Amino acid sequence: MAIVDVTVIPIGTDTPSVSKYVAEIQEVLQTYEGKVSYQLTPMSTLIEGELPVLFEVIQAIHEVPFKHGLKRVATNIRIDDRRDKESTMTKKLAAVQAHMSQAEVEVEPVHHKE
């Protein structure tokens, strides 16, 4: 299972806002429910699943701005493909939270002598 961080950047839009493209990309992702999990963030979309399916999904969402007549799209992709153990978005967050909880327990209050 791999996790990808994808940002689709429509170039040459009429306005600086791209939220309508983001909304349509989320609709495309809904058609892949059961094959991938995804999470919209303020700056990108995280998608997890099997790598061949992820590449199919990336191509489908990359096409969204072109369907609206744009002539140029830049898509940034980061792939986290760990193969020594199963890694999911939820497990990665839980591991960080566990370290944070442990760090809170290990920190002893500092007492200053006056």
PDB file of N, CA and C in Angstrom:
ATOM      1  N   MET A   1       0.850  -1.177   0.000  1.00  0.00           N
ATOM      2  CA  MET A   1       0.000   0.000   0.000  1.00  0.00           C
ATOM      3  C   MET A   1       0.891   1.233   0.000  1.00  0.00           C
ATOM      4  N   ALA A   2       0.551   2.184  -0.830  1.00  0.00           N
ATOM      5  CA  ALA A   2       1.325   3.418  -0.937  1.00  0.00           C
ATOM      6  C   ALA A   2       0.427   4.605  -0.612  1.00  0.00           C
ATOM      7  N   ILE A   3       1.077   5.710  -0.289  1.00  0.00           N
ATOM      8  CA  ILE A   3       0.372   6.968  -0.034  1.00  0.00           C
ATOM      9  C   ILE A   3       0.954   8.000  -0.984  1.00  0.00           C
ATOM     10  N   VAL A   4       0.079   8.737  -1.666  1.00  0.00           N
ATOM     11  CA  VAL A   4       0.544   9.812  -2.532  1.00  0.00           C
ATOM     12  C   VAL A   4      -0.034  11.137  -2.063  1.00  0.00           C
ATOM     13  N   ASP A   5       0.749  12.159  -2.236  1.00  0.00           N
ATOM     14  CA  ASP A   5       0.350  13.536  -1.961  1.00  0.00           C
ATOM     15  C   ASP A   5       0.310  14.211  -3.325  1.00  0.00           C
ATOM     16  N   VAL A   6      -0.889  14.619  -3.760  1.00  0.00           N
ATOM     17  CA  VAL A   6      -1.072  15.129  -5.120  1.00  0.00           C
ATOM     18  C   VAL A   6      -1.630  16.547  -5.086  1.00  0.00           C
ATOM     19  N   THR A   7      -1.034  17.407  -5.899  1.00  0.00           N
ATOM     20  CA  THR A   7      -1.553  18.750  -6.105  1.00  0.00           C
ATOM     21  C   THR A   7      -1.708  18.974  -7.603  1.00  0.00           C
ATOM     22  N   VAL A   8      -2.934  19.200  -8.034  1.00  0.00           N
ATOM     23  CA  VAL A   8      -3.214  19.493  -9.441  1.00  0.00           C
ATOM     24  C   VAL A   8      -3.330  21.007  -9.563  1.00  0.00           C
ATOM     25  N   ILE A   9      -2.512  21.589 -10.435  1.00  0.00           N
ATOM     26  CA  ILE A   9      -2.438  23.044 -10.572  1.00  0.00           C
ATOM     27  C   ILE A   9      -2.894  23.442 -11.976  1.00  0.00           C
ATOM     28  N   PRO A  10      -4.142  23.931 -12.087  1.00  0.00           N
ATOM     29  CA  PRO A  10      -4.601  24.414 -13.392  1.00  0.00           C
ATOM     30  C   PRO A  10      -3.903  25.734 -13.734  1.00  0.00           C
ATOM     31  N   ILE A  11      -3.394  25.831 -14.936  1.00  0.00           N
ATOM     32  CA  ILE A  11      -2.681  27.040 -15.355  1.00  0.00           C
ATOM     33  C   ILE A  11      -3.498  27.744 -16.436  1.00  0.00           C
ATOM     34  N   GLY A  12      -3.691  29.057 -16.250  1.00  0.00           N
ATOM     35  CA  GLY A  12      -4.432  29.842 -17.236  1.00  0.00           C
ATOM     36  C   GLY A  12      -5.908  29.968 -16.914  1.00  0.00           C
ATOM     37  N   THR A  13      -6.262  29.874 -15.633  1.00  0.00           N
ATOM     38  CA  THR A  13      -7.663  30.031 -15.243  1.00  0.00           C
ATOM     39  C   THR A  13      -8.066  31.510 -15.306  1.00  0.00           C
ATOM     40  N   ASP A  14      -9.362  31.742 -15.386  1.00  0.00           N
ATOM     41  CA  ASP A  14      -9.871  33.124 -15.451  1.00  0.00           C
ATOM     42  C   ASP A  14      -9.674  33.881 -14.139  1.00  0.00           C
ATOM     43  N   THR A  15      -9.699  33.151 -13.020  1.00  0.00           N
ATOM     44  CA  THR A  15      -9.555  33.780 -11.705  1.00  0.00           C
ATOM     45  C   THR A  15      -8.483  33.040 -10.910  1.00  0.00           C
ATOM     46  N   PRO A  16      -7.988  33.639  -9.834  1.00  0.00           N
ATOM     47  CA  PRO A  16      -7.005  32.950  -9.000  1.00  0.00           C
ATOM     48  C   PRO A  16      -7.589  31.743  -8.251  1.00  0.00           C
ATOM     49  N   SER A  17      -8.901  31.693  -8.080  1.00  0.00           N
ATOM     50  CA  SER A  17      -9.537  30.599  -7.347  1.00  0.00           C
ATOM     51  C   SER A  17      -9.552  29.321  -8.181  1.00  0.00           C
ATOM     52  N   VAL A  18      -9.217  28.216  -7.544  1.00  0.00           N
ATOM     53  CA  VAL A  18      -9.262  26.918  -8.220  1.00  0.00           C
ATOM     54  C   VAL A  18     -10.175  25.936  -7.484  1.00  0.00           C
ATOM     55  N   SER A  19     -10.985  26.438  -6.564  1.00  0.00           N
ATOM     56  CA  SER A  19     -11.815  25.554  -5.742  1.00  0.00           C
ATOM     57  C   SER A  19     -12.806  24.733  -6.571  1.00  0.00           C
ATOM     58  N   LYS A  20     -13.281  25.260  -7.703  1.00  0.00           N
ATOM     59  CA  LYS A  20     -14.210  24.464  -8.515  1.00  0.00           C
ATOM     60  C   LYS A  20     -13.509  23.245  -9.112  1.00  0.00           C
ATOM     61  N   TYR A  21     -12.226  23.382  -9.430  1.00  0.00           N
ATOM     62  CA  TYR A  21     -11.471  22.235  -9.932  1.00  0.00           C
ATOM     63  C   TYR A  21     -11.227  21.230  -8.804  1.00  0.00           C
ATOM     64  N   VAL A  22     -10.900  21.736  -7.630  1.00  0.00           N
ATOM     65  CA  VAL A  22     -10.678  20.867  -6.471  1.00  0.00           C
ATOM     66  C   VAL A  22     -11.953  20.078  -6.165  1.00  0.00           C
ATOM     67  N   ALA A  23     -13.098  20.743  -6.213  1.00  0.00           N
ATOM     68  CA  ALA A  23     -14.371  20.067  -5.951  1.00  0.00           C
ATOM     69  C   ALA A  23     -14.616  18.954  -6.961  1.00  0.00           C
ATOM     70  N   GLU A  24     -14.334  19.225  -8.221  1.00  0.00           N
ATOM     71  CA  GLU A  24     -14.545  18.195  -9.238  1.00  0.00           C
ATOM     72  C   GLU A  24     -13.554  17.046  -9.077  1.00  0.00           C
ATOM     73  N   ILE A  25     -12.342  17.353  -8.669  1.00  0.00           N
ATOM     74  CA  ILE A  25     -11.359  16.297  -8.396  1.00  0.00           C
ATOM     75  C   ILE A  25     -11.862  15.398  -7.272  1.00  0.00           C
ATOM     76  N   GLN A  26     -12.463  15.985  -6.241  1.00  0.00           N
ATOM     77  CA  GLN A  26     -13.018  15.181  -5.148  1.00  0.00           C
ATOM     78  C   GLN A  26     -14.147  14.277  -5.659  1.00  0.00           C
ATOM     79  N   GLU A  27     -14.936  14.769  -6.608  1.00  0.00           N
ATOM     80  CA  GLU A  27     -15.995  13.949  -7.211  1.00  0.00           C
ATOM     81  C   GLU A  27     -15.397  12.767  -7.971  1.00  0.00           C
ATOM     82  N   VAL A  28     -14.302  13.002  -8.686  1.00  0.00           N
ATOM     83  CA  VAL A  28     -13.627  11.897  -9.390  1.00  0.00           C
ATOM     84  C   VAL A  28     -13.126  10.880  -8.375  1.00  0.00           C
ATOM     85  N   LEU A  29     -12.549  11.355  -7.271  1.00  0.00           N
ATOM     86  CA  LEU A  29     -12.051  10.447  -6.242  1.00  0.00           C
ATOM     87  C   LEU A  29     -13.169   9.589  -5.656  1.00  0.00           C
ATOM     88  N   GLN A  30     -14.352  10.156  -5.541  1.00  0.00           N
ATOM     89  CA  GLN A  30     -15.487   9.387  -5.012  1.00  0.00           C
ATOM     90  C   GLN A  30     -15.790   8.166  -5.879  1.00  0.00           C
ATOM     91  N   THR A  31     -15.512   8.249  -7.166  1.00  0.00           N
ATOM     92  CA  THR A  31     -15.771   7.116  -8.055  1.00  0.00           C
ATOM     93  C   THR A  31     -14.797   5.971  -7.797  1.00  0.00           C
ATOM     94  N   TYR A  32     -13.719   6.236  -7.073  1.00  0.00           N
ATOM     95  CA  TYR A  32     -12.723   5.209  -6.750  1.00  0.00           C
ATOM     96  C   TYR A  32     -12.877   4.684  -5.316  1.00  0.00           C
ATOM     97  N   GLU A  33     -13.948   5.090  -4.613  1.00  0.00           N
ATOM     98  CA  GLU A  33     -14.139   4.614  -3.243  1.00  0.00           C
ATOM     99  C   GLU A  33     -14.212   3.094  -3.248  1.00  0.00           C
ATOM    100  N   GLY A  34     -13.561   2.494  -2.263  1.00  0.00           N
ATOM    101  CA  GLY A  34     -13.438   1.038  -2.215  1.00  0.00           C
ATOM    102  C   GLY A  34     -12.111   0.569  -2.777  1.00  0.00           C
ATOM    103  N   LYS A  35     -11.523   1.373  -3.659  1.00  0.00           N
ATOM    104  CA  LYS A  35     -10.205   1.061  -4.223  1.00  0.00           C
ATOM    105  C   LYS A  35      -9.111   1.887  -3.561  1.00  0.00           C
ATOM    106  N   VAL A  36      -9.448   3.123  -3.159  1.00  0.00           N
ATOM    107  CA  VAL A  36      -8.491   4.023  -2.511  1.00  0.00           C
ATOM    108  C   VAL A  36      -9.184   4.737  -1.352  1.00  0.00           C
ATOM    109  N   SER A  37      -8.364   5.245  -0.452  1.00  0.00           N
ATOM    110  CA  SER A  37      -8.828   6.169   0.588  1.00  0.00           C
ATOM    111  C   SER A  37      -8.196   7.510   0.275  1.00  0.00           C
ATOM    112  N   TYR A  38      -8.871   8.595   0.613  1.00  0.00           N
ATOM    113  CA  TYR A  38      -8.321   9.904   0.300  1.00  0.00           C
ATOM    114  C   TYR A  38      -8.738  10.919   1.348  1.00  0.00           C
ATOM    115  N   GLN A  39      -7.947  11.982   1.416  1.00  0.00           N
ATOM    116  CA  GLN A  39      -8.208  13.062   2.365  1.00  0.00           C
ATOM    117  C   GLN A  39      -7.807  14.380   1.730  1.00  0.00           C
ATOM    118  N   LEU A  40      -8.747  15.296   1.652  1.00  0.00           N
ATOM    119  CA  LEU A  40      -8.472  16.637   1.154  1.00  0.00           C
ATOM    120  C   LEU A  40      -7.820  17.448   2.267  1.00  0.00           C
ATOM    121  N   THR A  41      -6.758  18.156   1.940  1.00  0.00           N
ATOM    122  CA  THR A  41      -6.116  19.080   2.874  1.00  0.00           C
ATOM    123  C   THR A  41      -6.189  20.475   2.245  1.00  0.00           C
ATOM    124  N   PRO A  42      -5.852  21.517   2.981  1.00  0.00           N
ATOM    125  CA  PRO A  42      -5.914  22.860   2.384  1.00  0.00           C
ATOM    126  C   PRO A  42      -4.982  23.065   1.190  1.00  0.00           C
ATOM    127  N   MET A  43      -3.940  22.247   1.071  1.00  0.00           N
ATOM    128  CA  MET A  43      -2.953  22.469   0.013  1.00  0.00           C
ATOM    129  C   MET A  43      -2.829  21.324  -0.998  1.00  0.00           C
ATOM    130  N   SER A  44      -3.406  20.161  -0.694  1.00  0.00           N
ATOM    131  CA  SER A  44      -3.250  19.013  -1.581  1.00  0.00           C
ATOM    132  C   SER A  44      -4.285  17.952  -1.222  1.00  0.00           C
ATOM    133  N   THR A  45      -4.190  16.822  -1.888  1.00  0.00           N
ATOM    134  CA  THR A  45      -5.030  15.674  -1.555  1.00  0.00           C
ATOM    135  C   THR A  45      -4.112  14.485  -1.307  1.00  0.00           C
ATOM    136  N   LEU A  46      -4.355  13.782  -0.213  1.00  0.00           N
ATOM    137  CA  LEU A  46      -3.625  12.561   0.114  1.00  0.00           C
ATOM    138  C   LEU A  46      -4.478  11.382  -0.322  1.00  0.00           C
ATOM    139  N   ILE A  47      -3.842  10.423  -0.995  1.00  0.00           N
ATOM    140  CA  ILE A  47      -4.569   9.251  -1.481  1.00  0.00           C
ATOM    141  C   ILE A  47      -3.747   8.022  -1.136  1.00  0.00           C
ATOM    142  N   GLU A  48      -4.406   6.975  -0.615  1.00  0.00           N
ATOM    143  CA  GLU A  48      -3.687   5.739  -0.324  1.00  0.00           C
ATOM    144  C   GLU A  48      -4.356   4.571  -1.029  1.00  0.00           C
ATOM    145  N   GLY A  49      -3.516   3.641  -1.473  1.00  0.00           N
ATOM    146  CA  GLY A  49      -4.020   2.463  -2.168  1.00  0.00           C
ATOM    147  C   GLY A  49      -2.858   1.730  -2.814  1.00  0.00           C
ATOM    148  N   GLU A  50      -3.193   0.774  -3.642  1.00  0.00           N
ATOM    149  CA  GLU A  50      -2.162   0.041  -4.372  1.00  0.00           C
ATOM    150  C   GLU A  50      -1.616   0.939  -5.482  1.00  0.00           C
ATOM    151  N   LEU A  51      -0.304   0.886  -5.679  1.00  0.00           N
ATOM    152  CA  LEU A  51       0.370   1.820  -6.577  1.00  0.00           C
ATOM    153  C   LEU A  51      -0.207   1.859  -7.997  1.00  0.00           C
ATOM    154  N   PRO A  52      -0.497   0.726  -8.635  1.00  0.00           N
ATOM    155  CA  PRO A  52      -1.069   0.824  -9.989  1.00  0.00           C
ATOM    156  C   PRO A  52      -2.406   1.568 -10.012  1.00  0.00           C
ATOM    157  N   VAL A  53      -3.225   1.378  -8.994  1.00  0.00           N
ATOM    158  CA  VAL A  53      -4.507   2.085  -8.917  1.00  0.00           C
ATOM    159  C   VAL A  53      -4.266   3.573  -8.681  1.00  0.00           C
ATOM    160  N   LEU A  54      -3.290   3.892  -7.843  1.00  0.00           N
ATOM    161  CA  LEU A  54      -2.980   5.292  -7.573  1.00  0.00           C
ATOM    162  C   LEU A  54      -2.565   6.018  -8.846  1.00  0.00           C
ATOM    163  N   PHE A  55      -1.766   5.380  -9.682  1.00  0.00           N
ATOM    164  CA  PHE A  55      -1.373   6.020 -10.945  1.00  0.00           C
ATOM    165  C   PHE A  55      -2.593   6.250 -11.848  1.00  0.00           C
ATOM    166  N   GLU A  56      -3.525   5.321 -11.850  1.00  0.00           N
ATOM    167  CA  GLU A  56      -4.766   5.489 -12.612  1.00  0.00           C
ATOM    168  C   GLU A  56      -5.567   6.682 -12.079  1.00  0.00           C
ATOM    169  N   VAL A  57      -5.670   6.775 -10.758  1.00  0.00           N
ATOM    170  CA  VAL A  57      -6.402   7.872 -10.122  1.00  0.00           C
ATOM    171  C   VAL A  57      -5.736   9.209 -10.428  1.00  0.00           C
ATOM    172  N   ILE A  58      -4.405   9.249 -10.321  1.00  0.00           N
ATOM    173  CA  ILE A  58      -3.667  10.486 -10.599  1.00  0.00           C
ATOM    174  C   ILE A  58      -3.936  10.954 -12.025  1.00  0.00           C
ATOM    175  N   GLN A  59      -3.917  10.033 -12.972  1.00  0.00           N
ATOM    176  CA  GLN A  59      -4.190  10.423 -14.352  1.00  0.00           C
ATOM    177  C   GLN A  59      -5.608  10.964 -14.488  1.00  0.00           C
ATOM    178  N   ALA A  60      -6.564  10.338 -13.819  1.00  0.00           N
ATOM    179  CA  ALA A  60      -7.956  10.786 -13.914  1.00  0.00           C
ATOM    180  C   ALA A  60      -8.130  12.190 -13.333  1.00  0.00           C
ATOM    181  N   ILE A  61      -7.498  12.481 -12.201  1.00  0.00           N
ATOM    182  CA  ILE A  61      -7.671  13.813 -11.613  1.00  0.00           C
ATOM    183  C   ILE A  61      -6.851  14.864 -12.355  1.00  0.00           C
ATOM    184  N   HIS A  62      -5.740  14.450 -12.954  1.00  0.00           N
ATOM    185  CA  HIS A  62      -4.928  15.361 -13.767  1.00  0.00           C
ATOM    186  C   HIS A  62      -5.734  15.872 -14.972  1.00  0.00           C
ATOM    187  N   GLU A  63      -6.640  15.066 -15.464  1.00  0.00           N
ATOM    188  CA  GLU A  63      -7.433  15.412 -16.652  1.00  0.00           C
ATOM    189  C   GLU A  63      -8.553  16.420 -16.371  1.00  0.00           C
ATOM    190  N   VAL A  64      -8.931  16.581 -15.105  1.00  0.00           N
ATOM    191  CA  VAL A  64     -10.084  17.428 -14.770  1.00  0.00           C
ATOM    192  C   VAL A  64      -9.982  18.837 -15.365  1.00  0.00           C
ATOM    193  N   PRO A  65      -8.899  19.587 -15.151  1.00  0.00           N
ATOM    194  CA  PRO A  65      -8.852  20.948 -15.723  1.00  0.00           C
ATOM    195  C   PRO A  65      -8.898  20.966 -17.254  1.00  0.00           C
ATOM    196  N   PHE A  66      -8.330  19.955 -17.895  1.00  0.00           N
ATOM    197  CA  PHE A  66      -8.374  19.895 -19.354  1.00  0.00           C
ATOM    198  C   PHE A  66      -9.810  19.780 -19.859  1.00  0.00           C
ATOM    199  N   LYS A  67     -10.671  19.095 -19.092  1.00  0.00           N
ATOM    200  CA  LYS A  67     -12.076  18.940 -19.487  1.00  0.00           C
ATOM    201  C   LYS A  67     -12.813  20.283 -19.495  1.00  0.00           C
ATOM    202  N   HIS A  68     -12.222  21.275 -18.833  1.00  0.00           N
ATOM    203  CA  HIS A  68     -12.825  22.616 -18.804  1.00  0.00           C
ATOM    204  C   HIS A  68     -12.182  23.547 -19.828  1.00  0.00           C
ATOM    205  N   GLY A  69     -11.387  22.991 -20.719  1.00  0.00           N
ATOM    206  CA  GLY A  69     -10.824  23.789 -21.798  1.00  0.00           C
ATOM    207  C   GLY A  69      -9.451  24.379 -21.515  1.00  0.00           C
ATOM    208  N   LEU A  70      -8.896  24.118 -20.341  1.00  0.00           N
ATOM    209  CA  LEU A  70      -7.546  24.633 -20.078  1.00  0.00           C
ATOM    210  C   LEU A  70      -6.541  23.905 -20.961  1.00  0.00           C
ATOM    211  N   LYS A  71      -5.474  24.584 -21.275  1.00  0.00           N
ATOM    212  CA  LYS A  71      -4.463  24.026 -22.166  1.00  0.00           C
ATOM    213  C   LYS A  71      -3.212  23.558 -21.435  1.00  0.00           C
ATOM    214  N   ARG A  72      -3.127  23.872 -20.116  1.00  0.00           N
ATOM    215  CA  ARG A  72      -1.920  23.499 -19.372  1.00  0.00           C
ATOM    216  C   ARG A  72      -2.284  23.175 -17.925  1.00  0.00           C
ATOM    217  N   VAL A  73      -1.717  22.067 -17.430  1.00  0.00           N
ATOM    218  CA  VAL A  73      -1.917  21.639 -16.049  1.00  0.00           C
ATOM    219  C   VAL A  73      -0.593  21.119 -15.521  1.00  0.00           C
ATOM    220  N   ALA A  74      -0.226  21.545 -14.324  1.00  0.00           N
ATOM    221  CA  ALA A  74       0.962  21.016 -13.648  1.00  0.00           C
ATOM    222  C   ALA A  74       0.473  20.197 -12.459  1.00  0.00           C
ATOM    223  N   THR A  75       0.923  18.965 -12.353  1.00  0.00           N
ATOM    224  CA  THR A  75       0.531  18.097 -11.242  1.00  0.00           C
ATOM    225  C   THR A  75       1.776  17.670 -10.486  1.00  0.00           C
ATOM    226  N   ASN A  76       1.799  18.001  -9.200  1.00  0.00           N
ATOM    227  CA  ASN A  76       2.913  17.605  -8.333  1.00  0.00           C
ATOM    228  C   ASN A  76       2.519  16.341  -7.581  1.00  0.00           C
ATOM    229  N   ILE A  77       3.434  15.365  -7.553  1.00  0.00           N
ATOM    230  CA  ILE A  77       3.151  14.078  -6.923  1.00  0.00           C
ATOM    231  C   ILE A  77       4.319  13.693  -6.019  1.00  0.00           C
ATOM    232  N   ARG A  78       4.004  13.323  -4.778  1.00  0.00           N
ATOM    233  CA  ARG A  78       4.992  12.709  -3.874  1.00  0.00           C
ATOM    234  C   ARG A  78       4.450  11.335  -3.511  1.00  0.00           C
ATOM    235  N   ILE A  79       5.289  10.320  -3.578  1.00  0.00           N
ATOM    236  CA  ILE A  79       4.867   8.948  -3.301  1.00  0.00           C
ATOM    237  C   ILE A  79       5.633   8.412  -2.108  1.00  0.00           C
ATOM    238  N   ASP A  80       4.912   7.878  -1.131  1.00  0.00           N
ATOM    239  CA  ASP A  80       5.502   7.155  -0.003  1.00  0.00           C
ATOM    240  C   ASP A  80       5.099   5.700  -0.183  1.00  0.00           C
ATOM    241  N   ASP A  81       6.052   4.866  -0.587  1.00  0.00           N
ATOM    242  CA  ASP A  81       5.782   3.460  -0.891  1.00  0.00           C
ATOM    243  C   ASP A  81       6.660   2.597   0.004  1.00  0.00           C
ATOM    244  N   ARG A  82       6.166   2.267   1.187  1.00  0.00           N
ATOM    245  CA  ARG A  82       6.921   1.477   2.154  1.00  0.00           C
ATOM    246  C   ARG A  82       6.549   0.012   1.988  1.00  0.00           C
ATOM    247  N   ARG A  83       7.555  -0.855   1.853  1.00  0.00           N
ATOM    248  CA  ARG A  83       7.273  -2.258   1.562  1.00  0.00           C
ATOM    249  C   ARG A  83       7.731  -3.221   2.654  1.00  0.00           C
ATOM    250  N   ASP A  84       8.312  -2.696   3.735  1.00  0.00           N
ATOM    251  CA  ASP A  84       8.718  -3.609   4.814  1.00  0.00           C
ATOM    252  C   ASP A  84       7.577  -3.888   5.784  1.00  0.00           C
ATOM    253  N   LYS A  85       6.547  -3.025   5.796  1.00  0.00           N
ATOM    254  CA  LYS A  85       5.358  -3.251   6.614  1.00  0.00           C
ATOM    255  C   LYS A  85       4.227  -2.410   6.044  1.00  0.00           C
ATOM    256  N   GLU A  86       2.999  -2.782   6.423  1.00  0.00           N
ATOM    257  CA  GLU A  86       1.853  -2.013   5.925  1.00  0.00           C
ATOM    258  C   GLU A  86       1.849  -0.638   6.560  1.00  0.00           C
ATOM    259  N   SER A  87       1.710   0.372   5.723  1.00  0.00           N
ATOM    260  CA  SER A  87       1.694   1.747   6.192  1.00  0.00           C
ATOM    261  C   SER A  87       0.454   2.426   5.635  1.00  0.00           C
ATOM    262  N   THR A  88      -0.327   3.031   6.530  1.00  0.00           N
ATOM    263  CA  THR A  88      -1.509   3.773   6.105  1.00  0.00           C
ATOM    264  C   THR A  88      -1.431   5.175   6.687  1.00  0.00           C
ATOM    265  N   MET A  89      -2.259   6.070   6.176  1.00  0.00           N
ATOM    266  CA  MET A  89      -2.280   7.434   6.708  1.00  0.00           C
ATOM    267  C   MET A  89      -2.610   7.397   8.197  1.00  0.00           C
ATOM    268  N   THR A  90      -3.572   6.581   8.573  1.00  0.00           N
ATOM    269  CA  THR A  90      -3.999   6.489   9.977  1.00  0.00           C
ATOM    270  C   THR A  90      -2.875   5.971  10.861  1.00  0.00           C
ATOM    271  N   LYS A  91      -2.178   4.933  10.411  1.00  0.00           N
ATOM    272  CA  LYS A  91      -1.085   4.359  11.212  1.00  0.00           C
ATOM    273  C   LYS A  91       0.076   5.333  11.348  1.00  0.00           C
ATOM    274  N   LYS A  92       0.363   6.085  10.296  1.00  0.00           N
ATOM    275  CA  LYS A  92       1.457   7.056  10.378  1.00  0.00           C
ATOM    276  C   LYS A  92       1.136   8.147  11.398  1.00  0.00           C
ATOM    277  N   LEU A  93      -0.097   8.639  11.386  1.00  0.00           N
ATOM    278  CA  LEU A  93      -0.499   9.656  12.357  1.00  0.00           C
ATOM    279  C   LEU A  93      -0.486   9.102  13.773  1.00  0.00           C
ATOM    280  N   ALA A  94      -0.956   7.872  13.945  1.00  0.00           N
ATOM    281  CA  ALA A  94      -0.981   7.253  15.268  1.00  0.00           C
ATOM    282  C   ALA A  94       0.434   7.094  15.819  1.00  0.00           C
ATOM    283  N   ALA A  95       1.398   6.750  14.975  1.00  0.00           N
ATOM    284  CA  ALA A  95       2.779   6.596  15.422  1.00  0.00           C
ATOM    285  C   ALA A  95       3.346   7.919  15.928  1.00  0.00           C
ATOM    286  N   VAL A  96       3.061   8.998  15.236  1.00  0.00           N
ATOM    287  CA  VAL A  96       3.529  10.318  15.669  1.00  0.00           C
ATOM    288  C   VAL A  96       2.857  10.708  16.978  1.00  0.00           C
ATOM    289  N   GLN A  97       1.550  10.486  17.072  1.00  0.00           N
ATOM    290  CA  GLN A  97       0.821  10.822  18.302  1.00  0.00           C
ATOM    291  C   GLN A  97       1.328  10.015  19.491  1.00  0.00           C
ATOM    292  N   ALA A  98       1.696   8.762  19.271  1.00  0.00           N
ATOM    293  CA  ALA A  98       2.239   7.940  20.346  1.00  0.00           C
ATOM    294  C   ALA A  98       3.558   8.519  20.848  1.00  0.00           C
ATOM    295  N   HIS A  99       4.403   8.962  19.934  1.00  0.00           N
ATOM    296  CA  HIS A  99       5.671   9.590  20.334  1.00  0.00           C
ATOM    297  C   HIS A  99       5.420  10.884  21.097  1.00  0.00           C
ATOM    298  N   MET A 100       4.423  11.653  20.667  1.00  0.00           N
ATOM    299  CA  MET A 100       4.117  12.900  21.355  1.00  0.00           C
ATOM    300  C   MET A 100       3.601  12.621  22.775  1.00  0.00           C
ATOM    301  N   SER A 101       2.760  11.625  22.926  1.00  0.00           N
ATOM    302  CA  SER A 101       2.241  11.265  24.249  1.00  0.00           C
ATOM    303  C   SER A 101       3.356  10.785  25.160  1.00  0.00           C
ATOM    304  N   GLN A 102       4.269   9.991  24.600  1.00  0.00           N
ATOM    305  CA  GLN A 102       5.399   9.480  25.375  1.00  0.00           C
ATOM    306  C   GLN A 102       6.313  10.627  25.796  1.00  0.00           C
ATOM    307  N   ALA A 103       6.516  11.580  24.921  1.00  0.00           N
ATOM    308  CA  ALA A 103       7.377  12.720  25.233  1.00  0.00           C
ATOM    309  C   ALA A 103       6.780  13.548  26.361  1.00  0.00           C
ATOM    310  N   GLU A 104       5.458  13.676  26.394  1.00  0.00           N
ATOM    311  CA  GLU A 104       4.807  14.434  27.464  1.00  0.00           C
ATOM    312  C   GLU A 104       5.020  13.758  28.809  1.00  0.00           C
ATOM    313  N   VAL A 105       4.999  12.433  28.840  1.00  0.00           N
ATOM    314  CA  VAL A 105       5.186  11.687  30.078  1.00  0.00           C
ATOM    315  C   VAL A 105       6.629  11.788  30.553  1.00  0.00           C
ATOM    316  N   GLU A 106       7.564  11.786  29.620  1.00  0.00           N
ATOM    317  CA  GLU A 106       8.986  11.802  29.967  1.00  0.00           C
ATOM    318  C   GLU A 106       9.466  13.162  30.453  1.00  0.00           C
ATOM    319  N   VAL A 107       8.770  14.209  30.117  1.00  0.00           N
ATOM    320  CA  VAL A 107       9.199  15.551  30.509  1.00  0.00           C
ATOM    321  C   VAL A 107       8.850  15.772  31.973  1.00  0.00           C
ATOM    322  N   GLU A 108       9.873  16.034  32.762  1.00  0.00           N
ATOM    323  CA  GLU A 108       9.654  16.312  34.183  1.00  0.00           C
ATOM    324  C   GLU A 108       9.638  17.813  34.379  1.00  0.00           C
ATOM    325  N   PRO A 109       8.805  18.277  35.301  1.00  0.00           N
ATOM    326  CA  PRO A 109       8.779  19.724  35.537  1.00  0.00           C
ATOM    327  C   PRO A 109      10.106  20.210  36.117  1.00  0.00           C
ATOM    328  N   VAL A 110      10.487  21.380  35.723  1.00  0.00           N
ATOM    329  CA  VAL A 110      11.732  21.985  36.216  1.00  0.00           C
ATOM    330  C   VAL A 110      11.389  22.871  37.404  1.00  0.00           C
ATOM    331  N   HIS A 111      12.092  22.628  38.518  1.00  0.00           N
ATOM    332  CA  HIS A 111      11.876  23.430  39.712  1.00  0.00           C
ATOM    333  C   HIS A 111      13.079  24.354  39.893  1.00  0.00           C
ATOM    334  N   HIS A 112      12.815  25.626  39.987  1.00  0.00           N
ATOM    335  CA  HIS A 112      13.892  26.601  40.180  1.00  0.00           C
ATOM    336  C   HIS A 112      13.994  26.950  41.659  1.00  0.00           C
ATOM    337  N   LYS A 113      15.196  26.977  42.174  1.00  0.00           N
ATOM    338  CA  LYS A 113      15.407  27.399  43.558  1.00  0.00           C
ATOM    339  C   LYS A 113      15.495  28.912  43.579  1.00  0.00           C
ATOM    340  N   GLU A 114      14.841  29.480  44.531  1.00  0.00           N
ATOM    341  CA  GLU A 114      14.862  30.946  44.608  1.00  0.00           C
ATOM    342  C   GLU A 114      15.600  31.402  45.814  1.00  0.00           C
TER     343      GLU A 114
END
